[in-house]
C-alpha atoms as a PDB file:
ATOM      1  CA  UNK A   1     -12.812  -6.753   0.646  1.00  0.00           C
ATOM      2  CA  UNK A   2     -14.930  -4.432   2.789  1.00  0.00           C
ATOM      3  CA  UNK A   3     -18.059  -5.217   4.813  1.00  0.00           C
ATOM      4  CA  UNK A   4     -20.578  -2.351   4.476  1.00  0.00           C
ATOM      5  CA  UNK A   5     -23.774  -2.613   6.569  1.00  0.00           C
ATOM      6  CA  UNK A   6     -27.146  -1.434   5.290  1.00  0.00           C
ATOM      7  CA  UNK A   7     -29.626   1.055   6.799  1.00  0.00           C
ATOM      8  CA  UNK A   8     -29.266   1.390  10.610  1.00  0.00           C
ATOM      9  CA  UNK A   9     -26.827  -1.477  11.104  1.00  0.00           C
ATOM     10  CA  UNK A  10     -23.283  -1.290  12.482  1.00  0.00           C
ATOM     11  CA  UNK A  11     -20.374  -3.726  12.171  1.00  0.00           C
ATOM     12  CA  UNK A  12     -18.410  -3.985  15.433  1.00  0.00           C
ATOM     13  CA  UNK A  13     -15.326  -5.820  16.695  1.00  0.00           C
ATOM     14  CA  UNK A  14     -15.727  -6.985  20.310  1.00  0.00           C
ATOM     15  CA  UNK A  15     -12.936  -5.957  22.672  1.00  0.00           C
ATOM     16  CA  UNK A  16     -11.420  -9.085  24.221  1.00  0.00           C
ATOM     17  CA  UNK A  17     -11.828  -9.418  27.982  1.00  0.00           C
ATOM     18  CA  UNK A  18      -9.108 -10.529  30.356  1.00  0.00           C
ATOM     19  CA  UNK A  19      -8.780 -14.273  30.835  1.00  0.00           C
ATOM     20  CA  UNK A  20      -7.345 -13.760  34.302  1.00  0.00           C
ATOM     21  CA  UNK A  21      -9.121 -12.660  37.504  1.00  0.00           C
ATOM     22  CA  UNK A  22      -7.792  -9.873  39.742  1.00  0.00           C
ATOM     23  CA  UNK A  23      -6.350 -12.591  41.981  1.00  0.00           C
ATOM     24  CA  UNK A  24      -4.357 -14.081  39.077  1.00  0.00           C
ATOM     25  CA  UNK A  25      -6.540 -17.147  38.404  1.00  0.00           C
ATOM     26  CA  UNK A  26      -6.735 -18.103  34.720  1.00  0.00           C
ATOM     27  CA  UNK A  27     -10.312 -18.563  33.462  1.00  0.00           C
ATOM     28  CA  UNK A  28     -11.166 -21.032  30.699  1.00  0.00           C
ATOM     29  CA  UNK A  29     -13.007 -19.560  27.685  1.00  0.00           C
ATOM     30  CA  UNK A  30     -16.240 -21.278  28.790  1.00  0.00           C
ATOM     31  CA  UNK A  31     -16.256 -19.453  32.153  1.00  0.00           C
ATOM     32  CA  UNK A  32     -15.642 -15.988  30.702  1.00  0.00           C
ATOM     33  CA  UNK A  33     -18.481 -13.537  30.235  1.00  0.00           C
ATOM     34  CA  UNK A  34     -19.114 -12.182  26.769  1.00  0.00           C
ATOM     35  CA  UNK A  35     -17.732  -8.661  26.435  1.00  0.00           C
ATOM     36  CA  UNK A  36     -20.199  -5.837  25.823  1.00  0.00           C
ATOM     37  CA  UNK A  37     -17.484  -3.409  24.732  1.00  0.00           C
ATOM     38  CA  UNK A  38     -16.601  -3.050  21.067  1.00  0.00           C
ATOM     39  CA  UNK A  39     -14.958  -0.890  18.434  1.00  0.00           C
ATOM     40  CA  UNK A  40     -17.115   0.267  15.515  1.00  0.00           C
ATOM     41  CA  UNK A  41     -15.708  -0.943  12.190  1.00  0.00           C
ATOM     42  CA  UNK A  42     -18.286   0.417   9.725  1.00  0.00           C
ATOM     43  CA  UNK A  43     -21.664   2.128   9.821  1.00  0.00           C
ATOM     44  CA  UNK A  44     -24.708   2.009   7.545  1.00  0.00           C
ATOM     45  CA  UNK A  45     -26.181   5.126   5.966  1.00  0.00           C
ATOM     46  CA  UNK A  46     -29.351   5.297   8.053  1.00  0.00           C
ATOM     47  CA  UNK A  47     -32.411   6.505   6.171  1.00  0.00           C
ATOM     48  CA  UNK A  48     -35.989   5.262   6.408  1.00  0.00           C
ATOM     49  CA  UNK A  49     -36.273   2.227   8.679  1.00  0.00           C
ATOM     50  CA  UNK A  50     -39.775   0.939   9.478  1.00  0.00           C
ATOM     51  CA  UNK A  51     -41.233   4.249   8.262  1.00  0.00           C
ATOM     52  CA  UNK A  52     -39.051   6.382  10.553  1.00  0.00           C
ATOM     53  CA  UNK A  53     -36.047   8.507   9.616  1.00  0.00           C
ATOM     54  CA  UNK A  54     -32.883   7.170  11.308  1.00  0.00           C
ATOM     55  CA  UNK A  55     -29.829   9.415  11.649  1.00  0.00           C
ATOM     56  CA  UNK A  56     -26.597   7.553  12.384  1.00  0.00           C
ATOM     57  CA  UNK A  57     -24.858   8.836  15.515  1.00  0.00           C
ATOM     58  CA  UNK A  58     -21.981   6.370  15.885  1.00  0.00           C
ATOM     59  CA  UNK A  59     -18.910   6.608  13.650  1.00  0.00           C
ATOM     60  CA  UNK A  60     -16.133   4.187  12.700  1.00  0.00           C
ATOM     61  CA  UNK A  61     -13.483   3.808  15.454  1.00  0.00           C
ATOM     62  CA  UNK A  62     -15.933   4.778  18.246  1.00  0.00           C
ATOM     63  CA  UNK A  63     -15.745   2.587  21.353  1.00  0.00           C
ATOM     64  CA  UNK A  64     -19.238   1.491  22.399  1.00  0.00           C
ATOM     65  CA  UNK A  65     -21.161  -0.447  25.022  1.00  0.00           C
ATOM     66  CA  UNK A  66     -23.868  -2.603  23.437  1.00  0.00           C
ATOM     67  CA  UNK A  67     -26.726  -4.847  24.598  1.00  0.00           C
ATOM     68  CA  UNK A  68     -25.620  -8.250  25.835  1.00  0.00           C
ATOM     69  CA  UNK A  69     -27.626 -10.443  23.447  1.00  0.00           C
ATOM     70  CA  UNK A  70     -27.718  -8.097  20.449  1.00  0.00           C
ATOM     71  CA  UNK A  71     -26.663  -8.745  16.908  1.00  0.00           C
ATOM     72  CA  UNK A  72     -25.515 -11.451  14.572  1.00  0.00           C
ATOM     73  CA  UNK A  73     -22.039 -12.902  15.030  1.00  0.00           C
ATOM     74  CA  UNK A  74     -19.991 -13.707  11.922  1.00  0.00           C
ATOM     75  CA  UNK A  75     -16.465 -14.454  10.761  1.00  0.00           C
ATOM     76  CA  UNK A  76     -15.227 -12.209   7.974  1.00  0.00           C
ATOM     77  CA  UNK A  77     -11.720 -12.629   6.590  1.00  0.00           C
ATOM     78  CA  UNK A  78     -10.719 -14.604   9.709  1.00  0.00           C
ATOM     79  CA  UNK A  79     -11.964 -11.927  12.122  1.00  0.00           C
ATOM     80  CA  UNK A  80     -14.876 -12.322  14.550  1.00  0.00           C
ATOM     81  CA  UNK A  81     -17.349  -9.463  14.039  1.00  0.00           C
ATOM     82  CA  UNK A  82     -20.915  -8.664  15.090  1.00  0.00           C
ATOM     83  CA  UNK A  83     -23.583  -6.799  13.111  1.00  0.00           C
ATOM     84  CA  UNK A  84     -26.003  -4.868  15.344  1.00  0.00           C
ATOM     85  CA  UNK A  85     -28.626  -2.147  14.962  1.00  0.00           C
ATOM     86  CA  UNK A  86     -27.821   1.351  16.190  1.00  0.00           C
ATOM     87  CA  UNK A  87     -30.657   0.994  18.743  1.00  0.00           C
ATOM     88  CA  UNK A  88     -28.634  -1.813  20.414  1.00  0.00           C
ATOM     89  CA  UNK A  89     -25.864   0.667  21.278  1.00  0.00           C
ATOM     90  CA  UNK A  90     -26.227   1.682  24.932  1.00  0.00           C
ATOM     91  CA  UNK A  91     -23.399   4.245  25.114  1.00  0.00           C
ATOM     92  CA  UNK A  92     -20.411   5.703  23.291  1.00  0.00           C
ATOM     93  CA  UNK A  93     -17.273   5.591  25.431  1.00  0.00           C
ATOM     94  CA  UNK A  94     -15.227   8.805  25.235  1.00  0.00           C
END
């Protein structure tokens, strides 16, 4: 099964952060900050959104930096994914 977003939405897979500090201390999951880095899984087609033409810039497999509190988290086929709008993407990492 494939998850295909609509309009200006993007499905991303967050990149897991280290659970250890630079000094070697293990951090419990509760103390870790939510990662803002992700890999793009699939991209909507763009089109007219709120009366404005939206052209999709990001592509599948791009690494991105996204807004901290953006999107809707979901589990799809046992994988944790997030659906965000393209406007929540802050940068593409090259």
